[in-house]
């Protein structure tokens, strides 16, 4: 986006910029407050007329699905060549993926994702790299690792505050949790494989 005045962002112009602004605004609102947002609130955050939501997405529900798919696509882009996610994926982008999933589960909403690209590729990569595991064992390892990763991404700040973890000690704890996620989930990591 360009700026109208020094330091002031202009309104998005053109279909691609407007759609990106709407997706970004919707994602920010999902992470901040859950799914209880109005079309006008989304449009205001994006800096566009609310009618453009209907023009480009049809309905608020379609925009929400597109936002969740966009979150998942950014996360899926971080998979390695085998299909494994990074062990710290749930905490990246300030826990965007974990926070969005938690909001949906806490509000009892239907699954907003149109697919499960990350866990599907993770299961496939784990089954390929560890053929001795049964399908149930692969599923269990992915579930345990994903639960740890998502839970930690959501509650790490609260846990650190409750047990009075110093800012100097926090990176070591974050690294250890990522190592456990990698270990449980069979994710190869250069530090662990050397």
Foldseek 3Di string as FASTA:
>chain_A
DDAPDVPHRDQQDDDVLLLVLLLVLLLVCCLVPRDPDDLVSSCVSSVHDSVVCCVNQNDPLSSNLVSLQVLVVVQQVQADPQLAGQLQSCQPPLRSNLSNVVSCVVVVHDDSYPDDSNLVSLLVSCCVVCVVDDSVLLVVLLVVLVCLNSVCSVCVVVVCVVVVPDPVCSVVVSVVNSVVSCVSSVPDDPVVVD
